N, C-alpha and C. Protein backbone atom coordinates (compact mmCIF):
# COMPACT_ATOMS: atom_id res chain seq x y z
N MET A 1 -32.68 16.90 15.33
CA MET A 1 -32.09 15.63 14.98
C MET A 1 -32.64 15.11 13.66
N GLU A 2 -33.87 15.44 13.35
CA GLU A 2 -34.49 14.98 12.12
C GLU A 2 -33.79 15.54 10.90
N GLY A 3 -33.33 16.80 10.95
CA GLY A 3 -32.60 17.40 9.84
C GLY A 3 -31.28 16.71 9.57
N ALA A 4 -30.60 16.31 10.63
CA ALA A 4 -29.32 15.60 10.48
C ALA A 4 -29.54 14.24 9.82
N SER A 5 -30.64 13.59 10.16
CA SER A 5 -30.96 12.30 9.57
C SER A 5 -31.22 12.45 8.07
N LEU A 6 -31.93 13.50 7.71
CA LEU A 6 -32.22 13.76 6.30
C LEU A 6 -30.94 14.08 5.55
N THR A 7 -30.05 14.84 6.15
CA THR A 7 -28.77 15.18 5.53
C THR A 7 -27.92 13.93 5.34
N LEU A 8 -27.88 13.06 6.33
CA LEU A 8 -27.13 11.82 6.22
C LEU A 8 -27.72 10.93 5.13
N THR A 9 -29.04 10.86 5.07
CA THR A 9 -29.70 10.08 4.03
C THR A 9 -29.37 10.61 2.65
N ALA A 10 -29.40 11.92 2.49
CA ALA A 10 -29.07 12.53 1.19
C ALA A 10 -27.62 12.26 0.82
N ALA A 11 -26.72 12.35 1.79
CA ALA A 11 -25.30 12.10 1.53
C ALA A 11 -25.08 10.64 1.12
N LEU A 12 -25.74 9.72 1.79
CA LEU A 12 -25.59 8.30 1.44
C LEU A 12 -26.18 8.00 0.06
N CYS A 13 -27.29 8.64 -0.28
CA CYS A 13 -27.88 8.47 -1.62
C CYS A 13 -26.94 9.02 -2.69
N ALA A 14 -26.34 10.16 -2.42
CA ALA A 14 -25.39 10.75 -3.37
C ALA A 14 -24.17 9.85 -3.54
N LEU A 15 -23.67 9.31 -2.45
CA LEU A 15 -22.52 8.42 -2.50
C LEU A 15 -22.86 7.13 -3.27
N ALA A 16 -24.03 6.59 -3.03
CA ALA A 16 -24.45 5.38 -3.76
C ALA A 16 -24.59 5.68 -5.25
N SER A 17 -25.14 6.84 -5.59
CA SER A 17 -25.28 7.23 -6.99
C SER A 17 -23.92 7.40 -7.66
N LEU A 18 -22.98 8.02 -6.95
CA LEU A 18 -21.63 8.21 -7.48
C LEU A 18 -20.96 6.86 -7.73
N ASN A 19 -21.12 5.93 -6.81
CA ASN A 19 -20.51 4.61 -6.98
C ASN A 19 -21.15 3.84 -8.13
N PHE A 20 -22.45 3.99 -8.30
CA PHE A 20 -23.12 3.36 -9.44
C PHE A 20 -22.61 3.97 -10.74
N ALA A 21 -22.47 5.29 -10.78
CA ALA A 21 -21.97 5.96 -11.99
C ALA A 21 -20.54 5.52 -12.29
N THR A 22 -19.72 5.35 -11.28
CA THR A 22 -18.35 4.90 -11.47
C THR A 22 -18.33 3.48 -12.03
N PHE A 23 -19.15 2.61 -11.47
CA PHE A 23 -19.27 1.24 -11.95
C PHE A 23 -19.69 1.22 -13.42
N VAL A 24 -20.67 2.03 -13.77
CA VAL A 24 -21.15 2.11 -15.15
C VAL A 24 -20.05 2.65 -16.07
N ALA A 25 -19.27 3.62 -15.58
CA ALA A 25 -18.17 4.16 -16.39
C ALA A 25 -17.16 3.07 -16.73
N PHE A 26 -16.87 2.19 -15.78
CA PHE A 26 -15.96 1.08 -16.07
C PHE A 26 -16.58 0.12 -17.09
N ALA A 27 -17.88 -0.11 -16.99
CA ALA A 27 -18.56 -0.98 -17.95
C ALA A 27 -18.50 -0.38 -19.36
N ILE A 28 -18.76 0.92 -19.46
CA ILE A 28 -18.72 1.59 -20.76
C ILE A 28 -17.31 1.57 -21.33
N ASP A 29 -16.32 1.85 -20.49
CA ASP A 29 -14.94 1.86 -20.96
C ASP A 29 -14.52 0.48 -21.46
N LYS A 30 -14.93 -0.57 -20.75
CA LYS A 30 -14.60 -1.93 -21.18
C LYS A 30 -15.27 -2.25 -22.52
N ALA A 31 -16.53 -1.86 -22.67
CA ALA A 31 -17.24 -2.09 -23.93
C ALA A 31 -16.58 -1.34 -25.07
N HIS A 32 -16.16 -0.11 -24.81
CA HIS A 32 -15.47 0.67 -25.83
C HIS A 32 -14.12 0.05 -26.19
N ALA A 33 -13.43 -0.49 -25.20
CA ALA A 33 -12.14 -1.13 -25.46
C ALA A 33 -12.33 -2.34 -26.37
N ARG A 34 -13.33 -3.13 -26.10
CA ARG A 34 -13.59 -4.31 -26.94
C ARG A 34 -13.97 -3.92 -28.37
N ALA A 35 -14.73 -2.82 -28.49
CA ALA A 35 -15.20 -2.38 -29.81
C ALA A 35 -14.19 -1.47 -30.51
N ARG A 36 -13.05 -1.25 -29.85
CA ARG A 36 -12.01 -0.36 -30.38
C ARG A 36 -12.56 1.02 -30.69
N ARG A 37 -13.37 1.52 -29.76
CA ARG A 37 -13.93 2.86 -29.87
C ARG A 37 -13.22 3.79 -28.89
N ARG A 38 -13.55 5.07 -28.99
CA ARG A 38 -12.93 6.06 -28.10
C ARG A 38 -13.25 5.71 -26.65
N ARG A 39 -12.21 5.74 -25.81
CA ARG A 39 -12.29 5.29 -24.42
C ARG A 39 -12.53 6.44 -23.47
N ILE A 40 -12.93 6.11 -22.26
CA ILE A 40 -13.02 7.07 -21.17
C ILE A 40 -11.60 7.25 -20.64
N ALA A 41 -11.20 8.48 -20.45
CA ALA A 41 -9.83 8.75 -19.99
C ALA A 41 -9.61 8.14 -18.60
N GLU A 42 -8.41 7.59 -18.40
CA GLU A 42 -8.07 7.05 -17.09
C GLU A 42 -8.20 8.11 -16.01
N SER A 43 -7.86 9.34 -16.33
CA SER A 43 -7.97 10.42 -15.34
C SER A 43 -9.42 10.60 -14.91
N THR A 44 -10.37 10.43 -15.83
CA THR A 44 -11.79 10.54 -15.47
C THR A 44 -12.20 9.42 -14.53
N LEU A 45 -11.75 8.21 -14.83
CA LEU A 45 -12.06 7.07 -13.95
C LEU A 45 -11.46 7.29 -12.56
N LEU A 46 -10.25 7.82 -12.52
CA LEU A 46 -9.61 8.07 -11.22
C LEU A 46 -10.29 9.21 -10.46
N TRP A 47 -10.74 10.23 -11.16
CA TRP A 47 -11.45 11.33 -10.50
C TRP A 47 -12.78 10.85 -9.92
N LEU A 48 -13.46 9.96 -10.62
CA LEU A 48 -14.69 9.39 -10.08
C LEU A 48 -14.40 8.62 -8.79
N ALA A 49 -13.31 7.86 -8.80
CA ALA A 49 -12.92 7.13 -7.59
C ALA A 49 -12.55 8.11 -6.48
N PHE A 50 -11.79 9.13 -6.81
CA PHE A 50 -11.35 10.12 -5.82
C PHE A 50 -12.53 10.84 -5.19
N ALA A 51 -13.56 11.11 -5.99
CA ALA A 51 -14.74 11.83 -5.49
C ALA A 51 -15.58 10.99 -4.53
N GLY A 52 -15.25 9.72 -4.39
CA GLY A 52 -15.98 8.86 -3.47
C GLY A 52 -16.44 7.56 -4.11
N GLY A 53 -16.08 7.35 -5.37
CA GLY A 53 -16.53 6.17 -6.09
C GLY A 53 -15.56 5.01 -6.07
N SER A 54 -14.67 4.96 -5.11
CA SER A 54 -13.70 3.85 -5.05
C SER A 54 -14.35 2.48 -4.98
N PRO A 55 -15.38 2.29 -4.16
CA PRO A 55 -16.01 0.96 -4.16
C PRO A 55 -16.58 0.60 -5.53
N GLY A 56 -17.18 1.55 -6.22
CA GLY A 56 -17.70 1.31 -7.56
C GLY A 56 -16.59 0.99 -8.55
N ALA A 57 -15.44 1.66 -8.38
CA ALA A 57 -14.30 1.40 -9.25
C ALA A 57 -13.76 -0.01 -9.03
N TYR A 58 -13.62 -0.40 -7.78
CA TYR A 58 -13.13 -1.76 -7.50
C TYR A 58 -14.13 -2.81 -7.98
N ALA A 59 -15.42 -2.55 -7.81
CA ALA A 59 -16.43 -3.49 -8.29
C ALA A 59 -16.39 -3.58 -9.81
N GLY A 60 -16.26 -2.45 -10.48
CA GLY A 60 -16.18 -2.44 -11.94
C GLY A 60 -14.96 -3.17 -12.45
N ARG A 61 -13.83 -2.97 -11.78
CA ARG A 61 -12.60 -3.68 -12.18
C ARG A 61 -12.81 -5.19 -12.06
N ARG A 62 -13.43 -5.61 -10.99
CA ARG A 62 -13.60 -7.05 -10.76
C ARG A 62 -14.63 -7.67 -11.71
N VAL A 63 -15.80 -7.05 -11.80
CA VAL A 63 -16.88 -7.60 -12.62
C VAL A 63 -16.52 -7.64 -14.09
N PHE A 64 -15.90 -6.57 -14.59
CA PHE A 64 -15.60 -6.48 -16.01
C PHE A 64 -14.16 -6.87 -16.35
N ARG A 65 -13.39 -7.27 -15.33
CA ARG A 65 -11.98 -7.61 -15.51
C ARG A 65 -11.28 -6.53 -16.34
N HIS A 66 -11.41 -5.32 -15.83
CA HIS A 66 -10.96 -4.15 -16.57
C HIS A 66 -9.98 -3.34 -15.73
N LYS A 67 -8.89 -2.95 -16.33
CA LYS A 67 -7.86 -2.14 -15.67
C LYS A 67 -7.26 -2.87 -14.47
N THR A 68 -7.14 -4.17 -14.57
CA THR A 68 -6.63 -4.93 -13.43
C THR A 68 -5.11 -5.03 -13.41
N ARG A 69 -4.47 -4.86 -14.56
CA ARG A 69 -3.01 -4.97 -14.63
C ARG A 69 -2.35 -3.71 -15.15
N LYS A 70 -3.10 -2.66 -15.32
CA LYS A 70 -2.57 -1.43 -15.90
C LYS A 70 -1.88 -0.59 -14.83
N GLN A 71 -0.56 -0.46 -14.96
CA GLN A 71 0.18 0.44 -14.08
C GLN A 71 0.48 1.70 -14.88
N PRO A 72 0.44 2.86 -14.32
CA PRO A 72 0.29 3.16 -12.89
C PRO A 72 -1.16 3.31 -12.42
N PHE A 73 -2.14 2.99 -13.26
CA PHE A 73 -3.55 3.14 -12.89
C PHE A 73 -3.87 2.41 -11.59
N VAL A 74 -3.47 1.15 -11.50
CA VAL A 74 -3.78 0.34 -10.31
C VAL A 74 -3.18 0.96 -9.06
N GLY A 75 -1.94 1.37 -9.14
CA GLY A 75 -1.29 2.01 -7.99
C GLY A 75 -1.98 3.29 -7.57
N ARG A 76 -2.38 4.07 -8.54
CA ARG A 76 -3.09 5.33 -8.23
C ARG A 76 -4.44 5.05 -7.58
N LEU A 77 -5.16 4.05 -8.07
CA LEU A 77 -6.45 3.71 -7.47
C LEU A 77 -6.25 3.21 -6.04
N HIS A 78 -5.24 2.38 -5.82
CA HIS A 78 -4.96 1.90 -4.46
C HIS A 78 -4.61 3.07 -3.53
N THR A 79 -3.84 4.03 -4.04
CA THR A 79 -3.48 5.21 -3.24
C THR A 79 -4.72 6.02 -2.87
N ILE A 80 -5.60 6.23 -3.84
CA ILE A 80 -6.84 6.96 -3.57
C ILE A 80 -7.66 6.25 -2.50
N ALA A 81 -7.81 4.95 -2.63
CA ALA A 81 -8.59 4.19 -1.66
C ALA A 81 -7.95 4.24 -0.28
N ALA A 82 -6.64 4.13 -0.20
CA ALA A 82 -5.94 4.20 1.09
C ALA A 82 -6.13 5.56 1.75
N LEU A 83 -6.04 6.62 0.95
CA LEU A 83 -6.27 7.97 1.50
C LEU A 83 -7.70 8.13 2.00
N GLN A 84 -8.66 7.56 1.29
CA GLN A 84 -10.04 7.65 1.73
C GLN A 84 -10.27 6.88 3.03
N VAL A 85 -9.67 5.71 3.16
CA VAL A 85 -9.80 4.94 4.39
C VAL A 85 -9.15 5.71 5.55
N ALA A 86 -7.99 6.31 5.30
CA ALA A 86 -7.33 7.10 6.35
C ALA A 86 -8.19 8.31 6.75
N ALA A 87 -8.77 8.98 5.76
CA ALA A 87 -9.63 10.14 6.05
C ALA A 87 -10.85 9.71 6.86
N LEU A 88 -11.43 8.56 6.53
CA LEU A 88 -12.57 8.07 7.31
C LEU A 88 -12.15 7.75 8.74
N GLY A 89 -10.96 7.19 8.90
CA GLY A 89 -10.45 6.89 10.24
C GLY A 89 -10.26 8.16 11.06
N VAL A 90 -9.68 9.18 10.45
CA VAL A 90 -9.49 10.46 11.15
C VAL A 90 -10.84 11.08 11.49
N ALA A 91 -11.77 11.06 10.55
CA ALA A 91 -13.10 11.63 10.81
C ALA A 91 -13.81 10.89 11.94
N ALA A 92 -13.72 9.56 11.94
CA ALA A 92 -14.34 8.78 13.00
C ALA A 92 -13.71 9.09 14.34
N TYR A 93 -12.39 9.24 14.36
CA TYR A 93 -11.68 9.56 15.61
C TYR A 93 -12.13 10.92 16.14
N LEU A 94 -12.22 11.90 15.23
CA LEU A 94 -12.59 13.25 15.65
C LEU A 94 -14.05 13.34 16.09
N LEU A 95 -14.91 12.60 15.42
CA LEU A 95 -16.33 12.65 15.76
C LEU A 95 -16.68 11.81 16.98
N LEU A 96 -16.00 10.68 17.13
CA LEU A 96 -16.36 9.77 18.22
C LEU A 96 -15.39 9.83 19.39
N GLY A 97 -14.21 10.38 19.15
CA GLY A 97 -13.17 10.30 20.17
C GLY A 97 -13.12 11.45 21.05
């Protein structure tokens, strides 16, 4: 049981790190937008969210008021988040049910 606890801890640390990196990516992209410098590709921001950084992406959008009205970016981010919530629901059902 101790090994499973360590694995869960490592997974949660990795997920927290990914969300922090996603949040920082939104901050950098917003700063680059203001300075009219080369931006981070929307596909990169979406891939970070898809990899598990959706909470960081939503936090970055809110804190930096960035990518809040850009379509189809917003729709794609919502789709990614919905798929992740559905996957968590299925995983919880299979593990607990």
